[in-house]
Amino acid sequence: MNQNASLSYRDAGVDIDAGDQLVENIKPFAKRTMRPEVLSGIGGFGGLVEISKKYKEPVLVSGTDGVGTKLKLAFELNRHDTVGIDLVAMSVNDILVQGAEPLFFLDYFACGKLDVPAATEVIKGIAYGCEQSGCALIGGETAEMPGMYPVGEYDLAGFAVGVVEKSKIITGDTIVPSDVVLGLASNGAHSNGYSLVRKIIARSNPDLNAPFDGERSLADCIMAPTRLYVKPLLALMQSLTIKGMAHITGGGITENVPRVLPANVVADIDSTTWQMPKLFRWLQAGGNVEAQEMYRTFNCGIGMVVVVAAADADAAVSQLQAAGETVSKIGVIRARVEEEHQTQVR
């Protein structure tokens, strides 16, 4: 190689034109997510968003997350259309539990070499997740970094910002014994526990494309995106008092529910009140996973927990079902005995 030859960024492995093409590809999808508060579109150095005048004492609520090792399966299966939904859901569901309406979202997509078609599929999923959550996709960052990632792989991160009236922040402080615990069904494993999922797959070596659950293959079930609970639960907040919510993510049911409970109470969860989906039964059998380990690793079919007063439970169930959610009364709140764990799944 001529040591004096003129080098370009492309010679170093970074294709600026590919990045520009990706931005153009995603603009129409991002446009569909816009809200009146957004003052600037995709492509600027920063996104400008004002806070609606409907809030008297607005409080911003933020959350950030990734998709984790579920991405490894996306690479292996060449399925890139749902992980963007996962990325959005993990953040918007988190800020929702404090009563916040998601306002805007930004993503970070990092790779060694930009595959424009695959990246477009990912970001289309991000835009879809934002649209279904009423959340504006106002920007993001695409980083092409030669040598940082294996060929065909990428990483995702994102964050959401929402807003809630200060007087309506949901803290869990008013939860008392006799309150009812509702469980909203998940779509599957969502984006948690995938290091164990992948280990079980490696041990079992199944045909991921064979029929598994009805018309769905095992791959379909494993890659099903995280459910977005935003719109049904924001509507429920307008109808009755939600005392507390827990998004069931890493740590499963066992470790997430206590995050919203006062120190003097326990959530008694009855596992017979819902049917564990086939995917989780397969994972439990394939990995010989103990029952309590399942509940502290996976959502086991319950993606969101909502705590309401006993007098509001039936109305909450009816409204959520009418909105398309599968919901069950899965437990009750009781007084805590000494230092027992605050979630008891029986």
Protein backbone atom coordinates (compact mmCIF):
# COMPACT_ATOMS: atom_id res chain seq x y z
CA MET A 1 0.00 0.00 0.00
CA ASN A 2 1.23 3.45 -0.89
CA GLN A 3 1.94 5.14 2.44
CA ASN A 4 1.25 8.50 0.86
CA ALA A 5 -2.08 7.54 -0.73
CA SER A 6 -5.04 9.74 0.18
CA LEU A 7 -7.31 8.04 2.73
CA SER A 8 -10.99 8.62 3.31
CA TYR A 9 -13.29 7.84 6.22
CA ARG A 10 -14.73 5.05 4.04
CA ASP A 11 -11.24 3.53 3.80
CA ALA A 12 -11.22 3.41 7.60
CA GLY A 13 -14.50 1.51 7.56
CA VAL A 14 -17.04 4.28 8.14
CA ASP A 15 -19.58 4.92 5.39
CA ILE A 16 -21.08 8.40 5.83
CA ASP A 17 -23.36 7.88 2.84
CA ALA A 18 -24.85 4.76 4.43
CA GLY A 19 -25.55 6.72 7.61
CA ASP A 20 -27.23 9.47 5.61
CA GLN A 21 -29.35 6.88 3.79
CA LEU A 22 -30.48 5.38 7.10
CA VAL A 23 -31.62 8.79 8.33
CA GLU A 24 -33.64 9.30 5.15
CA ASN A 25 -35.13 5.80 5.47
CA ILE A 26 -36.42 6.38 8.98
CA LYS A 27 -37.76 9.93 8.62
CA PRO A 28 -41.27 8.89 7.49
CA PHE A 29 -41.60 6.45 10.37
CA ALA A 30 -40.40 8.97 12.93
CA LYS A 31 -42.79 11.57 11.51
CA ARG A 32 -45.76 9.37 12.43
CA THR A 33 -44.74 9.54 16.11
CA MET A 34 -44.73 13.34 16.40
CA ARG A 35 -46.61 15.13 19.19
CA PRO A 36 -47.69 18.80 19.31
CA GLU A 37 -45.00 19.50 21.91
CA VAL A 38 -42.16 18.59 19.51
CA LEU A 39 -40.51 21.67 18.03
CA SER A 40 -37.82 20.02 15.89
CA GLY A 41 -37.58 16.95 13.67
CA ILE A 42 -35.01 14.23 13.03
CA GLY A 43 -31.58 15.40 11.88
CA GLY A 44 -30.68 18.27 14.18
CA PHE A 45 -28.04 18.29 16.88
CA GLY A 46 -30.70 18.12 19.60
CA GLY A 47 -34.42 17.54 19.87
CA LEU A 48 -36.59 20.39 21.09
CA VAL A 49 -39.72 19.57 23.09
CA GLU A 50 -41.89 21.85 25.19
CA ILE A 51 -44.07 20.74 28.09
CA SER A 52 -47.81 20.94 27.55
CA LYS A 53 -49.62 23.75 29.33
CA LYS A 54 -52.14 21.22 30.67
CA TYR A 55 -49.72 20.48 33.53
CA LYS A 56 -49.77 22.87 36.49
CA GLU A 57 -46.73 21.36 38.24
CA PRO A 58 -45.06 19.13 35.64
CA VAL A 59 -42.45 16.63 36.78
CA LEU A 60 -40.20 14.96 34.23
CA VAL A 61 -39.67 11.21 34.61
CA SER A 62 -36.87 9.48 32.70
CA GLY A 63 -35.84 5.91 32.05
CA THR A 64 -33.12 4.19 30.05
CA ASP A 65 -32.48 0.60 29.00
CA GLY A 66 -31.26 -1.73 26.28
CA VAL A 67 -32.39 -5.06 24.86
CA GLY A 68 -29.66 -7.24 26.32
CA THR A 69 -28.62 -10.64 25.02
CA LYS A 70 -31.92 -11.09 23.21
CA LEU A 71 -29.99 -9.32 20.45
CA LYS A 72 -27.79 -12.41 20.07
CA LEU A 73 -30.87 -14.37 19.01
CA ALA A 74 -31.91 -11.57 16.67
CA PHE A 75 -28.54 -11.90 14.92
CA GLU A 76 -28.72 -15.69 14.73
CA LEU A 77 -32.30 -15.69 13.44
CA ASN A 78 -31.82 -12.61 11.24
CA ARG A 79 -34.90 -11.04 12.85
CA HIS A 80 -34.53 -7.32 13.37
CA ASP A 81 -38.12 -6.09 13.23
CA THR A 82 -39.12 -6.51 16.89
CA VAL A 83 -36.07 -5.61 19.00
CA GLY A 84 -36.75 -1.91 18.43
CA ILE A 85 -40.17 -2.38 20.05
CA ASP A 86 -38.42 -4.06 22.98
CA LEU A 87 -36.10 -1.09 23.31
CA VAL A 88 -38.95 1.41 23.56
CA ALA A 89 -41.12 -0.76 25.79
CA MET A 90 -38.43 -1.32 28.39
CA SER A 91 -38.16 2.43 28.99
CA VAL A 92 -41.74 3.66 28.50
CA ASN A 93 -43.21 0.90 30.68
CA ASP A 94 -40.71 1.82 33.39
CA ILE A 95 -41.66 5.51 33.52
CA LEU A 96 -45.34 4.63 33.20
CA VAL A 97 -45.35 2.95 36.61
CA GLN A 98 -44.84 6.34 38.28
CA GLY A 99 -47.82 7.76 36.44
CA ALA A 100 -45.86 9.43 33.65
CA GLU A 101 -47.13 9.92 30.13
CA PRO A 102 -44.19 9.20 27.77
CA LEU A 103 -43.27 12.37 25.91
CA PHE A 104 -40.24 11.57 23.77
CA PHE A 105 -37.66 8.87 23.04
CA LEU A 106 -34.11 8.78 21.65
CA ASP A 107 -32.11 5.74 20.60
CA TYR A 108 -28.45 4.82 20.22
CA PHE A 109 -27.55 2.25 17.54
CA ALA A 110 -23.93 1.10 17.48
CA CYS A 111 -22.30 -1.30 15.03
CA GLY A 112 -18.99 -2.18 13.39
CA LYS A 113 -20.28 -1.80 9.83
CA LEU A 114 -23.67 -0.31 9.10
CA ASP A 115 -26.13 -2.69 7.42
CA VAL A 116 -28.72 -0.18 6.24
CA PRO A 117 -31.59 -2.66 5.62
CA ALA A 118 -31.16 -4.32 9.05
CA ALA A 119 -30.76 -0.99 10.84
CA THR A 120 -33.84 0.33 9.06
CA GLU A 121 -35.86 -2.64 10.35
CA VAL A 122 -34.61 -2.00 13.88
CA ILE A 123 -35.50 1.68 13.84
CA LYS A 124 -38.86 1.02 12.17
CA GLY A 125 -39.56 -1.13 15.25
CA ILE A 126 -38.47 1.74 17.50
CA ALA A 127 -40.83 4.09 15.66
CA TYR A 128 -43.68 1.58 15.90
CA GLY A 129 -43.13 1.22 19.66
CA CYS A 130 -43.15 4.99 20.04
CA GLU A 131 -46.30 5.35 17.95
CA GLN A 132 -48.13 2.72 20.00
CA SER A 133 -47.07 4.53 23.19
CA GLY A 134 -47.97 8.04 22.04
CA CYS A 135 -44.29 8.89 22.43
CA ALA A 136 -42.38 11.02 19.90
CA LEU A 137 -39.17 9.65 18.37
CA ILE A 138 -37.28 12.91 18.19
CA GLY A 139 -33.78 11.71 17.36
CA GLY A 140 -30.99 9.29 18.08
CA GLU A 141 -27.43 8.37 17.23
CA THR A 142 -26.05 5.86 14.75
CA ALA A 143 -22.44 5.01 15.53
CA GLU A 144 -20.37 3.02 13.02
CA MET A 145 -17.21 1.87 14.80
CA PRO A 146 -15.01 -0.55 12.83
CA GLY A 147 -13.46 -3.24 15.00
CA MET A 148 -15.75 -2.68 17.98
CA TYR A 149 -18.41 -5.26 17.07
CA PRO A 150 -18.38 -8.59 15.20
CA VAL A 151 -19.67 -8.54 11.64
CA GLY A 152 -23.47 -8.53 11.54
CA GLU A 153 -23.88 -7.47 15.16
CA TYR A 154 -24.97 -4.22 16.77
CA ASP A 155 -26.00 -2.88 20.16
CA LEU A 156 -29.00 -0.80 21.17
CA ALA A 157 -29.72 1.61 23.97
CA GLY A 158 -32.40 4.21 24.40
CA PHE A 159 -34.12 6.48 26.84
CA ALA A 160 -37.56 7.93 27.32
CA VAL A 161 -38.71 11.08 29.06
CA GLY A 162 -42.25 11.46 30.30
CA VAL A 163 -44.21 13.96 32.32
CA VAL A 164 -46.60 13.64 35.27
CA GLU A 165 -48.51 16.13 37.38
CA LYS A 166 -46.65 16.40 40.69
CA SER A 167 -49.80 15.68 42.71
CA LYS A 168 -50.45 12.52 40.67
CA ILE A 169 -47.09 10.78 40.94
CA ILE A 170 -47.63 7.10 41.79
CA THR A 171 -45.31 6.12 44.62
CA GLY A 172 -46.93 3.09 46.25
CA ASP A 173 -47.01 4.88 49.59
CA THR A 174 -50.77 4.43 50.00
CA ILE A 175 -50.71 0.64 49.51
CA VAL A 176 -52.24 -1.13 52.53
CA PRO A 177 -53.32 -4.66 53.50
CA SER A 178 -56.45 -5.88 51.63
CA ASP A 179 -55.49 -4.04 48.41
CA VAL A 180 -55.70 -6.24 45.32
CA VAL A 181 -52.81 -7.17 43.02
CA LEU A 182 -53.68 -7.36 39.33
CA GLY A 183 -51.47 -9.01 36.74
CA LEU A 184 -51.45 -7.98 33.08
CA ALA A 185 -50.34 -10.69 30.68
CA SER A 186 -46.97 -10.48 28.95
CA ASN A 187 -46.23 -11.31 25.30
CA GLY A 188 -43.52 -13.74 26.35
CA ALA A 189 -40.12 -13.34 27.96
CA HIS A 190 -40.02 -9.70 26.80
CA SER A 191 -36.36 -8.63 27.14
CA ASN A 192 -35.25 -10.32 30.33
CA GLY A 193 -33.58 -13.58 31.26
CA TYR A 194 -32.16 -14.16 27.80
CA SER A 195 -28.76 -15.28 29.01
CA LEU A 196 -30.58 -18.21 30.62
CA VAL A 197 -32.86 -18.61 27.58
CA ARG A 198 -29.84 -18.92 25.32
CA LYS A 199 -28.17 -21.41 27.66
CA ILE A 200 -31.31 -23.58 27.66
CA ILE A 201 -31.47 -23.38 23.86
CA ALA A 202 -27.81 -24.45 23.63
CA ARG A 203 -28.52 -27.40 25.92
CA SER A 204 -31.75 -28.48 24.19
CA ASN A 205 -30.71 -27.68 20.61
CA PRO A 206 -34.34 -27.36 19.41
CA ASP A 207 -35.56 -26.61 15.91
CA LEU A 208 -36.43 -22.96 16.49
CA ASN A 209 -38.49 -22.79 13.31
CA ALA A 210 -40.67 -25.83 14.03
CA PRO A 211 -44.31 -25.30 15.13
CA PHE A 212 -44.39 -24.72 18.86
CA ASP A 213 -47.47 -22.90 20.15
CA GLY A 214 -50.36 -23.04 17.70
CA GLU A 215 -49.20 -21.46 14.46
CA ARG A 216 -46.20 -19.85 16.11
CA SER A 217 -42.71 -21.32 16.01
CA LEU A 218 -40.41 -21.38 19.01
CA ALA A 219 -38.49 -18.53 17.37
CA ASP A 220 -41.72 -16.52 17.11
CA CYS A 221 -42.41 -17.02 20.82
CA ILE A 222 -38.86 -16.22 21.90
CA MET A 223 -38.62 -13.08 19.76
CA ALA A 224 -42.12 -11.74 20.56
CA PRO A 225 -41.63 -8.09 21.55
CA THR A 226 -42.23 -6.60 24.98
CA ARG A 227 -45.85 -5.60 25.45
CA LEU A 228 -46.60 -1.88 25.58
CA TYR A 229 -48.95 -1.10 28.49
CA VAL A 230 -48.93 2.69 28.16
CA LYS A 231 -52.27 3.59 26.63
CA PRO A 232 -54.53 1.20 28.61
CA LEU A 233 -52.94 2.16 31.92
CA LEU A 234 -52.94 5.90 31.25
CA ALA A 235 -56.67 5.56 30.54
CA LEU A 236 -57.17 3.56 33.75
CA MET A 237 -55.46 6.32 35.75
CA GLN A 238 -58.17 8.70 34.53
CA SER A 239 -60.92 6.39 35.82
CA LEU A 240 -59.73 5.30 39.25
CA THR A 241 -56.82 5.46 41.66
CA ILE A 242 -53.89 3.21 40.89
CA LYS A 243 -51.91 2.80 44.10
CA GLY A 244 -48.83 1.20 42.63
CA MET A 245 -47.43 -0.47 39.52
CA ALA A 246 -44.42 -2.68 38.85
CA HIS A 247 -43.00 -3.40 35.41
CA ILE A 248 -41.82 -7.02 35.55
CA THR A 249 -38.33 -6.87 34.06
CA GLY A 250 -34.97 -8.22 35.22
CA GLY A 251 -35.52 -9.91 38.57
CA GLY A 252 -38.91 -11.25 37.57
CA ILE A 253 -42.03 -11.03 39.68
CA THR A 254 -40.20 -11.71 42.93
CA GLU A 255 -37.76 -8.80 42.79
CA ASN A 256 -39.77 -6.13 40.97
CA VAL A 257 -43.01 -5.98 42.95
CA PRO A 258 -41.25 -4.92 46.22
CA ARG A 259 -39.89 -1.83 44.46
CA VAL A 260 -43.33 -0.22 44.77
CA LEU A 261 -44.37 -1.55 48.19
CA PRO A 262 -44.14 0.21 51.57
CA ALA A 263 -41.81 -1.62 53.95
CA ASN A 264 -44.62 -2.95 56.16
CA VAL A 265 -46.53 -4.99 53.57
CA VAL A 266 -46.15 -8.08 51.39
CA ALA A 267 -47.67 -9.00 48.04
CA ASP A 268 -49.07 -12.52 48.35
CA ILE A 269 -49.15 -13.87 44.80
CA ASP A 270 -51.17 -16.98 43.91
CA SER A 271 -49.52 -18.62 40.88
CA THR A 272 -52.67 -20.66 40.16
CA THR A 273 -54.59 -17.52 39.15
CA TRP A 274 -53.00 -17.45 35.70
CA GLN A 275 -51.64 -20.09 33.34
CA MET A 276 -47.91 -19.94 32.77
CA PRO A 277 -47.45 -19.68 28.97
CA LYS A 278 -46.00 -22.63 27.10
CA LEU A 279 -42.70 -20.82 26.47
CA PHE A 280 -41.97 -20.61 30.19
CA ARG A 281 -43.00 -24.22 30.80
CA TRP A 282 -40.61 -25.25 28.03
CA LEU A 283 -37.81 -23.15 29.52
CA GLN A 284 -38.41 -24.56 32.99
CA ALA A 285 -38.32 -28.14 31.73
CA GLY A 286 -35.40 -27.58 29.35
CA GLY A 287 -33.25 -25.99 32.02
CA ASN A 288 -34.60 -27.97 34.97
CA VAL A 289 -35.18 -24.56 36.56
CA GLU A 290 -36.66 -24.48 40.06
CA ALA A 291 -40.04 -22.76 40.40
CA GLN A 292 -38.84 -19.90 42.60
CA GLU A 293 -35.88 -19.32 40.27
CA MET A 294 -38.37 -18.97 37.41
CA TYR A 295 -40.29 -16.27 39.31
CA ARG A 296 -37.13 -14.29 40.09
CA THR A 297 -35.74 -14.54 36.54
CA PHE A 298 -38.71 -14.31 34.18
CA ASN A 299 -42.08 -12.57 34.13
CA CYS A 300 -43.67 -16.04 33.76
CA GLY A 301 -46.62 -14.55 31.88
CA ILE A 302 -47.19 -11.40 33.95
CA GLY A 303 -45.61 -8.33 32.37
CA MET A 304 -47.10 -5.61 34.56
CA VAL A 305 -48.48 -5.62 38.11
CA VAL A 306 -51.06 -3.07 39.22
CA VAL A 307 -52.20 -2.54 42.83
CA VAL A 308 -55.64 -1.04 43.47
CA ALA A 309 -58.06 -0.84 46.39
CA ALA A 310 -60.32 -3.88 46.72
CA ALA A 311 -63.37 -1.72 45.92
CA ASP A 312 -61.80 -0.73 42.55
CA ALA A 313 -60.53 -4.16 41.48
CA ASP A 314 -63.53 -5.33 39.44
CA ALA A 315 -63.84 -2.00 37.61
CA ALA A 316 -60.12 -2.01 36.82
CA VAL A 317 -60.26 -5.54 35.45
CA SER A 318 -63.28 -4.73 33.28
CA GLN A 319 -61.73 -1.58 31.83
CA LEU A 320 -58.40 -3.24 31.09
CA GLN A 321 -60.10 -6.21 29.44
CA ALA A 322 -62.18 -3.84 27.30
CA ALA A 323 -58.89 -2.21 26.21
CA GLY A 324 -57.57 -5.57 25.01
CA GLU A 325 -55.50 -6.61 28.01
CA THR A 326 -55.55 -10.09 29.53
CA VAL A 327 -55.72 -9.37 33.25
CA SER A 328 -56.23 -11.44 36.40
CA LYS A 329 -56.48 -10.84 40.13
CA ILE A 330 -53.25 -12.56 41.08
CA GLY A 331 -52.89 -11.68 44.75
CA VAL A 332 -53.53 -9.48 47.74
CA ILE A 333 -51.52 -7.16 49.93
CA ARG A 334 -51.07 -8.24 53.56
CA ALA A 335 -49.07 -7.15 56.58
CA ARG A 336 -45.40 -8.10 56.55
CA VAL A 337 -44.12 -10.54 59.14
CA GLU A 338 -40.73 -9.45 60.47
CA GLU A 339 -38.17 -9.33 57.63
CA GLU A 340 -39.84 -11.71 55.17
CA HIS A 341 -39.37 -11.08 51.46
CA GLN A 342 -41.97 -8.66 50.18
CA THR A 343 -43.15 -10.88 47.33
CA GLN A 344 -44.38 -14.33 48.18
CA VAL A 345 -45.28 -16.39 45.11
CA ARG A 346 -47.10 -19.57 46.10
